Protein backbone atom coordinates (compact mmCIF):
# COMPACT_ATOMS: atom_id res chain seq x y z
CA MET A 1 35.45 -21.61 0.02
CA LYS A 2 35.17 -17.83 0.18
CA LYS A 3 31.99 -16.55 -1.42
CA ASN A 4 30.42 -13.22 -2.28
CA ILE A 5 26.99 -13.57 -0.68
CA GLY A 6 24.21 -11.23 -1.72
CA ILE A 7 21.53 -10.34 0.82
CA VAL A 8 18.50 -8.84 -0.87
CA LEU A 9 16.55 -6.77 1.64
CA LEU A 10 14.21 -4.80 -0.58
CA GLY A 11 10.81 -3.33 0.24
CA ASN A 12 9.33 -1.16 2.94
CA ILE A 13 10.24 -2.03 6.54
CA SER A 14 7.22 -1.37 8.78
CA GLU A 15 8.08 0.36 12.02
CA ASP A 16 6.75 -2.09 14.59
CA THR A 17 6.92 -5.53 13.02
CA GLY A 18 9.09 -8.60 13.37
CA GLY A 19 10.42 -7.90 9.88
CA ARG A 20 12.12 -4.72 11.01
CA ASN A 21 13.43 -6.43 14.13
CA TYR A 22 14.91 -9.21 12.00
CA PHE A 23 16.36 -6.78 9.44
CA ILE A 24 18.25 -4.80 12.07
CA ASN A 25 19.41 -7.57 14.38
CA PHE A 26 20.34 -10.10 11.70
CA THR A 27 22.44 -7.50 9.86
CA LYS A 28 24.13 -6.42 13.09
CA ALA A 29 24.94 -10.01 14.09
CA LEU A 30 26.17 -10.90 10.60
CA SER A 31 28.57 -7.96 10.62
CA GLN A 32 30.11 -9.25 13.86
CA LEU A 33 30.67 -12.84 12.71
CA ASN A 34 34.20 -14.01 12.03
CA SER A 35 33.51 -15.19 8.50
CA PRO A 36 35.71 -15.59 5.39
CA HIS A 37 32.82 -14.54 3.15
CA ARG A 38 32.07 -11.12 1.76
CA PHE A 39 28.56 -9.72 1.85
CA THR A 40 26.80 -7.39 -0.53
CA LEU A 41 23.57 -5.93 0.82
CA PHE A 42 21.06 -4.89 -1.81
CA LEU A 43 18.77 -2.29 -0.26
CA ASN A 44 15.97 0.08 -1.09
CA PRO A 45 17.32 3.67 -0.77
CA ASN A 46 15.07 4.16 2.29
CA GLN A 47 16.69 1.29 4.20
CA LYS A 48 20.37 2.15 4.50
CA PRO A 49 19.97 4.62 7.41
CA ILE A 50 18.33 1.89 9.51
CA ILE A 51 21.42 -0.35 9.50
CA GLU A 52 24.26 2.02 8.59
CA ALA A 53 25.66 1.99 12.13
CA PHE A 54 26.18 -1.80 12.03
CA LEU A 55 27.96 -2.17 8.70
CA SER A 56 31.46 -3.67 8.72
CA GLU A 57 34.28 -3.45 6.19
CA LYS A 58 33.32 -6.78 4.65
CA MET A 59 29.81 -5.49 3.89
CA ALA A 60 29.19 -3.58 0.70
CA VAL A 61 25.89 -1.77 0.20
CA VAL A 62 24.19 -1.42 -3.16
CA GLU A 63 21.02 0.64 -3.42
CA ILE A 64 18.46 -0.58 -5.92
CA PRO A 65 15.77 1.80 -7.23
CA PRO A 66 13.02 2.84 -7.08
CA LYS A 67 12.87 4.73 -3.78
CA SER A 68 9.09 4.29 -3.43
CA LYS A 69 7.80 2.27 -0.45
CA SER A 70 4.84 0.79 -2.35
CA SER A 71 4.30 -2.94 -2.84
CA ILE A 72 4.36 -2.53 -6.61
CA ALA A 73 7.74 -0.78 -6.39
CA LYS A 74 9.09 -3.66 -4.29
CA VAL A 75 7.95 -6.20 -6.89
CA ILE A 76 9.53 -4.24 -9.74
CA SER A 77 12.76 -3.76 -7.80
CA GLU A 78 13.02 -7.35 -6.58
CA GLN A 79 11.76 -9.20 -9.65
CA LEU A 80 12.97 -7.09 -12.57
CA ILE A 81 15.90 -4.92 -11.42
CA ALA A 82 17.66 -6.98 -8.74
CA PRO A 83 18.67 -9.84 -11.10
CA PHE A 84 20.82 -7.43 -13.15
CA TYR A 85 22.53 -6.17 -9.98
CA LEU A 86 23.21 -9.73 -8.77
CA ALA A 87 24.96 -10.49 -12.06
CA LYS A 88 26.81 -7.16 -12.18
CA HIS A 89 28.29 -7.63 -8.69
CA LYS A 90 29.27 -11.26 -9.34
CA ILE A 91 27.24 -12.71 -6.49
CA ASP A 92 27.76 -16.42 -5.83
CA VAL A 93 24.55 -17.04 -3.88
CA ALA A 94 21.70 -14.70 -2.91
CA TYR A 95 19.72 -14.76 0.33
CA PHE A 96 16.20 -13.30 0.36
CA PRO A 97 14.87 -12.81 3.93
CA GLY A 98 11.48 -11.51 2.82
CA ASN A 99 9.44 -14.56 1.70
CA PHE A 100 10.21 -14.40 -2.03
CA VAL A 101 13.23 -14.61 -4.31
CA SER A 102 13.89 -12.88 -7.61
CA LEU A 103 12.42 -15.44 -9.97
CA LEU A 104 14.86 -14.30 -12.70
CA SER A 105 17.88 -14.55 -10.41
CA PRO A 106 21.02 -15.57 -12.32
CA VAL A 107 22.52 -17.16 -9.17
CA PRO A 108 21.40 -19.82 -6.68
CA THR A 109 19.00 -18.53 -4.03
CA VAL A 110 18.01 -19.15 -0.42
CA VAL A 111 14.74 -17.75 0.90
CA ALA A 112 13.50 -17.11 4.42
CA ILE A 113 9.77 -17.67 4.68
CA ARG A 114 9.11 -15.96 7.98
CA SER A 115 5.32 -15.90 7.89
CA MET A 116 2.40 -17.77 6.35
CA LEU A 117 -0.17 -15.42 7.86
CA TYR A 118 -1.87 -14.78 4.53
CA TYR A 119 -2.74 -18.46 4.17
CA HIS A 120 -4.51 -18.49 7.53
CA TYR A 121 -5.95 -14.95 7.63
CA PRO A 122 -6.05 -13.59 4.06
CA ARG A 123 -8.49 -10.82 5.00
CA VAL A 124 -5.95 -9.06 7.23
CA ILE A 125 -3.85 -8.09 4.21
CA ASP A 126 -4.96 -5.57 1.59
CA ASN A 127 -5.83 -7.08 -1.78
CA SER A 128 -2.77 -5.90 -3.72
CA ARG A 129 -0.33 -7.35 -1.18
CA LEU A 130 -2.34 -10.55 -0.90
CA VAL A 131 -2.18 -11.07 -4.67
CA VAL A 132 1.59 -10.47 -4.68
CA ARG A 133 2.21 -12.86 -1.77
CA LYS A 134 0.03 -15.63 -3.13
CA ALA A 135 1.60 -15.24 -6.59
CA LEU A 136 5.27 -15.13 -5.54
CA THR A 137 5.57 -17.36 -2.46
CA PRO A 138 4.93 -20.76 -4.15
CA PRO A 139 7.37 -20.33 -7.09
CA SER A 140 9.95 -18.78 -4.75
CA ALA A 141 9.76 -21.80 -2.45
CA ARG A 142 10.13 -24.16 -5.41
CA MET A 143 13.02 -22.25 -6.97
CA ALA A 144 15.12 -21.68 -3.83
CA ARG A 145 17.86 -24.20 -3.15
CA ALA A 146 17.05 -23.97 0.57
CA ILE A 147 14.25 -22.47 2.68
CA ILE A 148 14.69 -21.07 6.18
CA THR A 149 11.79 -20.71 8.62
CA PRO A 150 11.84 -19.23 12.15
CA SER A 151 9.81 -22.07 13.68
CA GLN A 152 8.69 -25.63 13.11
CA ASP A 153 5.14 -24.29 12.82
CA ILE A 154 6.06 -22.27 9.71
CA LYS A 155 7.98 -25.24 8.29
CA ASN A 156 4.83 -27.33 8.67
CA ASP A 157 2.80 -24.64 6.88
CA VAL A 158 5.25 -24.47 3.97
CA ILE A 159 4.96 -28.23 3.56
CA LYS A 160 1.16 -28.14 3.91
CA PHE A 161 0.26 -25.13 1.76
CA LEU A 162 3.10 -25.17 -0.79
CA GLY A 163 3.83 -28.88 -1.08
CA ILE A 164 7.56 -28.46 -0.48
CA ASP A 165 9.76 -31.39 0.57
CA GLY A 166 10.59 -30.92 4.25
CA ARG A 167 14.23 -31.91 3.68
CA LYS A 168 14.72 -28.61 1.89
CA ILE A 169 13.44 -26.56 4.83
CA HIS A 170 15.64 -25.55 7.77
CA VAL A 171 14.33 -24.12 11.05
CA VAL A 172 16.51 -21.26 12.31
CA ASN A 173 15.00 -19.45 15.28
CA HIS A 174 15.25 -15.70 15.59
CA GLY A 175 17.25 -14.27 18.47
CA VAL A 176 16.72 -11.79 21.27
CA ASP A 177 18.96 -9.00 22.50
CA ALA A 178 18.77 -10.30 26.07
CA GLU A 179 21.35 -7.84 27.38
CA LEU A 180 19.17 -4.89 26.39
CA PHE A 181 16.36 -6.15 28.62
CA GLN A 182 18.52 -7.33 31.50
CA LYS A 183 21.03 -4.55 32.12
CA ASN A 184 21.52 -0.80 32.43
CA TYR A 185 18.27 0.16 34.12
CA VAL A 186 18.30 3.72 35.50
CA GLU A 187 15.57 4.74 37.95
CA SER A 188 15.38 8.32 36.67
CA GLU A 189 14.79 6.96 33.15
CA ARG A 190 12.03 4.69 34.46
CA VAL A 191 10.34 7.65 36.12
CA ALA A 192 10.55 9.64 32.88
CA VAL A 193 9.07 6.78 30.83
CA PHE A 194 6.18 6.28 33.25
CA LYS A 195 5.47 10.01 33.27
CA LYS A 196 5.59 10.20 29.48
CA PHE A 197 2.95 7.50 29.04
CA GLY A 198 0.85 8.21 32.14
CA VAL A 199 1.62 4.98 34.00
CA ALA A 200 0.39 5.57 37.55
CA LYS A 201 -0.68 2.10 38.74
CA LYS A 202 0.33 -1.53 38.45
CA PHE A 203 -0.14 -2.53 34.84
CA ILE A 204 -0.38 -5.32 32.27
CA LEU A 205 1.69 -4.82 29.12
CA TYR A 206 0.97 -5.68 25.50
CA ALA A 207 3.67 -4.87 22.93
CA SER A 208 3.21 -5.55 19.22
CA ALA A 209 1.44 -4.14 16.18
CA LEU A 210 -2.27 -3.39 16.47
CA TRP A 211 -3.66 -5.89 14.04
CA GLU A 212 -7.11 -7.41 14.41
CA TYR A 213 -5.95 -11.03 14.60
CA LYS A 214 -3.78 -10.13 17.61
CA ASN A 215 -6.95 -9.68 19.70
CA GLN A 216 -6.24 -6.52 21.67
CA ASP A 217 -10.01 -6.09 21.93
CA LYS A 218 -10.23 -9.34 23.93
CA LEU A 219 -7.45 -8.10 26.19
CA ILE A 220 -9.34 -4.86 26.87
CA LEU A 221 -12.42 -6.87 27.80
CA ALA A 222 -10.28 -9.06 30.09
CA LEU A 223 -9.04 -5.91 31.81
CA ALA A 224 -12.65 -4.85 32.42
CA ASN A 225 -13.27 -8.25 34.02
CA LEU A 226 -10.20 -7.96 36.22
CA LEU A 227 -11.37 -4.60 37.50
CA GLU A 228 -14.98 -5.69 38.10
CA ARG A 229 -14.70 -9.33 39.21
CA HIS A 230 -11.38 -9.38 40.99
CA GLN A 231 -11.12 -5.75 42.11
CA HIS A 232 -7.63 -5.27 40.70
CA ASP A 233 -6.41 -1.68 40.59
CA LEU A 234 -4.73 -1.86 37.20
CA GLN A 235 -3.86 -0.17 33.97
CA LEU A 236 -3.26 -1.77 30.59
CA VAL A 237 -0.41 -0.38 28.49
CA ILE A 238 -0.73 -1.12 24.77
CA ALA A 239 2.59 -0.42 23.03
CA GLY A 240 2.01 -0.55 19.29
CA LYS A 241 0.21 1.19 16.48
CA GLY A 242 -2.36 0.40 13.82
CA ILE A 243 -0.54 1.02 10.54
CA ASN A 244 -2.13 1.59 7.12
CA MET A 245 -5.35 -0.44 6.85
CA PHE A 246 -5.27 -1.12 10.61
CA GLU A 247 -5.62 2.54 11.60
CA LYS A 248 -9.39 1.89 11.54
CA TYR A 249 -8.93 -1.07 13.87
CA GLU A 250 -7.01 1.07 16.35
CA ALA A 251 -9.89 3.56 16.24
CA LYS A 252 -12.28 0.70 17.10
CA LEU A 253 -10.12 -0.25 20.06
CA ARG A 254 -10.28 3.31 21.35
CA GLN A 255 -14.07 3.29 20.94
CA LEU A 256 -14.26 0.04 22.93
CA VAL A 257 -12.23 1.63 25.71
CA ASP A 258 -14.65 4.56 25.82
CA GLN A 259 -17.70 2.26 25.79
CA LYS A 260 -16.35 0.29 28.75
CA GLY A 261 -15.44 3.42 30.71
CA LEU A 262 -11.75 2.48 30.70
CA LYS A 263 -10.26 5.70 29.39
CA GLU A 264 -8.20 6.20 32.56
CA ARG A 265 -7.18 2.54 32.59
CA VAL A 266 -5.96 1.86 29.05
CA ILE A 267 -2.87 3.63 27.74
CA PHE A 268 -2.26 3.64 23.98
CA ALA A 269 1.48 4.29 24.00
CA GLY A 270 2.02 4.06 20.24
CA LEU A 271 5.39 3.01 18.89
CA VAL A 272 7.77 2.76 21.84
CA PRO A 273 11.55 2.52 21.21
CA HIS A 274 13.20 -0.44 22.90
CA GLN A 275 15.23 1.77 25.23
CA GLU A 276 11.92 2.93 26.73
CA LEU A 277 9.98 -0.29 26.19
CA LYS A 278 12.39 -2.24 28.41
CA TYR A 279 11.15 -0.27 31.44
CA LEU A 280 7.57 -1.22 30.64
CA TYR A 281 8.54 -4.88 30.33
CA LYS A 282 10.59 -4.81 33.52
CA HIS A 283 7.86 -3.34 35.74
CA ALA A 284 4.75 -4.97 34.27
CA GLU A 285 2.69 -7.29 36.44
CA ALA A 286 2.29 -9.53 33.41
CA PHE A 287 2.92 -9.50 29.69
CA ALA A 288 -0.16 -10.47 27.66
CA TYR A 289 0.16 -11.73 24.09
CA PRO A 290 -3.23 -13.12 22.94
CA SER A 291 -2.43 -13.16 19.21
CA SER A 292 -4.19 -15.75 17.06
CA TYR A 293 -1.11 -16.06 14.85
CA GLU A 294 2.63 -15.66 15.34
CA SER A 295 5.40 -17.25 13.34
CA PHE A 296 7.92 -16.83 16.16
CA GLY A 297 6.85 -14.13 18.62
CA ASN A 298 9.78 -11.82 19.39
CA PRO A 299 7.91 -10.02 22.22
CA LEU A 300 7.68 -13.30 24.15
CA PHE A 301 11.46 -13.47 24.34
CA GLU A 302 11.80 -9.79 25.22
CA ALA A 303 9.37 -10.28 28.11
CA TRP A 304 11.19 -13.39 29.32
CA ALA A 305 14.54 -11.58 29.13
CA ALA A 306 13.11 -8.74 31.24
CA GLY A 307 11.81 -11.19 33.85
CA VAL A 308 8.06 -10.70 33.52
CA PRO A 309 5.52 -13.58 33.61
CA VAL A 310 3.70 -14.22 30.34
CA VAL A 311 0.12 -15.06 29.37
CA CYS A 312 -0.17 -15.91 25.69
CA ALA A 313 -2.25 -17.74 23.09
CA ASN A 314 -2.17 -21.52 22.66
CA VAL A 315 -2.09 -21.65 18.84
CA HIS A 316 0.45 -21.83 15.99
CA SER A 317 4.03 -21.27 17.23
CA PHE A 318 3.13 -20.49 20.85
CA PRO A 319 3.26 -24.09 22.18
CA GLU A 320 6.61 -24.53 20.42
CA MET A 321 8.11 -21.33 21.80
CA THR A 322 6.77 -21.74 25.34
CA GLU A 323 7.79 -25.42 25.50
CA ASN A 324 4.13 -26.44 25.70
CA GLY A 325 3.32 -23.94 28.43
CA LYS A 326 6.41 -24.37 30.59
CA CYS A 327 7.34 -20.70 30.14
CA ALA A 328 3.87 -19.13 29.98
CA VAL A 329 0.21 -19.65 30.79
CA MET A 330 -1.42 -20.38 27.45
CA VAL A 331 -5.08 -19.60 26.74
CA ASN A 332 -7.58 -19.65 23.92
CA PRO A 333 -6.95 -16.14 22.51
CA LEU A 334 -10.65 -15.68 21.70
CA ASN A 335 -11.90 -16.65 25.17
CA VAL A 336 -12.05 -13.52 27.34
CA ASP A 337 -12.94 -15.40 30.53
CA GLU A 338 -10.01 -17.77 30.10
CA MET A 339 -7.68 -14.82 29.56
CA THR A 340 -9.10 -13.04 32.61
CA ASP A 341 -8.55 -16.05 34.87
CA ALA A 342 -5.00 -16.61 33.60
CA LEU A 343 -3.99 -12.99 34.20
CA HIS A 344 -5.55 -13.08 37.68
CA ARG A 345 -3.60 -16.24 38.54
CA VAL A 346 -0.32 -14.86 37.26
CA MET A 347 -0.74 -11.68 39.29
CA THR A 348 -1.83 -13.33 42.55
CA ASP A 349 -0.04 -16.69 42.70
CA SER A 350 3.53 -15.90 43.75
CA THR A 351 4.69 -19.49 43.22
CA LEU A 352 3.36 -19.53 39.67
CA ARG A 353 4.89 -16.11 38.94
CA GLN A 354 8.34 -17.18 40.06
CA LYS A 355 8.11 -20.45 38.17
CA LEU A 356 7.21 -18.63 34.92
CA ILE A 357 9.90 -15.98 35.38
CA GLU A 358 12.64 -18.56 35.93
CA ALA A 359 11.46 -20.74 33.04
CA GLY A 360 11.36 -17.72 30.74
CA ARG A 361 14.88 -16.65 31.61
CA ASN A 362 16.16 -20.17 31.03
CA ARG A 363 14.38 -20.26 27.67
CA VAL A 364 15.96 -17.00 26.49
CA ALA A 365 19.47 -18.25 27.25
CA SER A 366 19.54 -20.45 24.14
CA PHE A 367 18.32 -17.79 21.68
CA SER A 368 20.71 -15.20 20.28
CA TRP A 369 21.04 -13.22 17.07
CA GLU A 370 24.64 -14.42 16.78
CA LYS A 371 23.38 -18.02 16.68
CA CYS A 372 20.67 -17.07 14.16
CA ALA A 373 23.17 -15.37 11.86
CA ARG A 374 25.73 -18.20 12.15
CA GLU A 375 23.18 -20.95 11.37
CA THR A 376 21.70 -18.95 8.50
CA LEU A 377 25.12 -18.28 7.01
CA LYS A 378 26.00 -21.98 7.19
CA ILE A 379 22.92 -22.84 5.10
CA ILE A 380 23.59 -20.06 2.58
CA ALA A 381 27.26 -21.02 2.19
CA SER A 382 26.34 -24.69 1.66
CA VAL A 383 24.33 -23.69 -1.40
């Protein structure tokens, strides 16, 4: 039966997080599906330019005030204003991809709980956001007719921390734009990217936000070990930025680099657009992802698509995504020596490198945004 499906995408979209990646790619894939349903996207006024290029004729856009990017504004917009818009536009079912639903929603809801970070590491979130998340996630999970998580690990957390019946929770993996990382490489563009960021040697790549639980400090110490113990002639490229409360953490990372005498070895590239980032993936000696928490880990799949061997953490969703280490060398993300040895092996053992590269490419083949959008839509439409 044809339905008018509301997709409520309110709130600020941080520049270098999985949330932004999901927002863009899910919307793009949804617009390309051959579906009988109509979609109404309810957006903050700041969000429309991000996805405007992907919108199809069957997608209406409704902007919900206020325009502010603050957490309080998001709560007001989502909890108090959105319900009136859902009723006004005669929505049949509403999908909320951002962890909470409108608790006053006049229509059935589906929620995507894409992270439970704040239950494991509450101190990494500022107090106002922590209060909002802890207050809204449990009732949202109870109220929603169905819950979508990007991994089995998050499903387990929702059951554990929120007491939700597992039969209500559906695992729908995110996708990867494999073609972006596998095609259309131009040597002159590679040269320009390397010149822009000062890449002059073989290098290890890290690409994600600069948040303390992601352990970039341990990676910097591992680099120091690689230079001293194993005599590697390397650089480390850190593509990402410390946003808001994590600007101080980025400053600490820079201080650590100075203390270790690594200023010529560590490149803080900041936010790198994917059209440039793909050259860093493609030519890296290894991709390092020592994060203590990931709900899915989009950069893993980008690295695998680009054909670079991966060293990553061995906690939370990493065993699930790497098929228990088939596609990556997994390490304790807090153990610098373990990380050092793994990176050394990946860079010097040609058999291991090739094995990881092939396993990664095979892994990526079954993950697409089209599949993510199709499976998500099936769950929403069933409600």
